[in-house]
Amino acid sequence: MGLATILYLGVTFGLLVIFALLVWRTYRSKNRQRMEEAKHRMLEEE
């Protein structure tokens, strides 16, 4: 394995970790309730 391969795998794994953290943070139950409030307000107004 060359340096380029190791660097490529490192960057790919790093981006995967960042993506997983963003998904986890977005879909936590505490944040989900706060994010859904706007949708429920819009549905009640109609």
Protein backbone atom coordinates (compact mmCIF):
# COMPACT_ATOMS: atom_id res chain seq x y z
CA MET A 1 0.00 0.00 0.00
CA GLY A 2 1.32 3.33 -0.98
CA LEU A 3 0.98 6.62 0.79
CA ALA A 4 -1.71 7.76 -1.67
CA THR A 5 -3.86 4.71 -0.90
CA ILE A 6 -3.59 5.21 2.84
CA LEU A 7 -4.40 8.91 2.49
CA TYR A 8 -7.40 8.11 0.27
CA LEU A 9 -8.76 5.56 2.75
CA GLY A 10 -8.20 7.97 5.64
CA VAL A 11 -10.09 10.80 3.96
CA THR A 12 -12.90 8.44 2.92
CA PHE A 13 -13.25 7.05 6.44
CA GLY A 14 -13.15 10.58 7.89
CA LEU A 15 -15.97 11.73 5.62
CA LEU A 16 -17.99 8.66 6.56
CA VAL A 17 -17.57 9.46 10.27
CA ILE A 18 -18.60 13.10 9.72
CA PHE A 19 -21.68 11.98 7.77
CA ALA A 20 -22.65 9.49 10.49
CA LEU A 21 -22.32 12.18 13.16
CA LEU A 22 -24.50 14.58 11.17
CA VAL A 23 -27.20 11.94 10.73
CA TRP A 24 -27.05 10.97 14.41
CA ARG A 25 -27.25 14.60 15.54
CA THR A 26 -30.15 15.38 13.20
CA TYR A 27 -32.29 12.39 14.08
CA ARG A 28 -31.86 12.30 17.86
CA SER A 29 -35.27 12.32 19.55
CA LYS A 30 -34.58 15.65 21.28
CA ASN A 31 -33.82 17.39 17.99
CA ARG A 32 -36.57 15.59 16.11
CA GLN A 33 -39.27 17.10 18.32
CA ARG A 34 -37.87 20.60 17.86
CA MET A 35 -37.57 20.15 14.09
CA GLU A 36 -41.09 18.73 13.74
CA GLU A 37 -42.74 21.65 15.57
CA ALA A 38 -42.71 23.87 12.48
CA LYS A 39 -44.37 21.19 10.36
CA HIS A 40 -47.12 20.65 12.91
CA ARG A 41 -47.72 24.39 13.19
CA MET A 42 -48.11 24.65 9.42
CA LEU A 43 -50.55 21.72 9.35
CA GLU A 44 -52.65 23.24 12.13
CA GLU A 45 -52.92 26.60 10.36
CA GLU A 46 -54.46 25.13 7.22
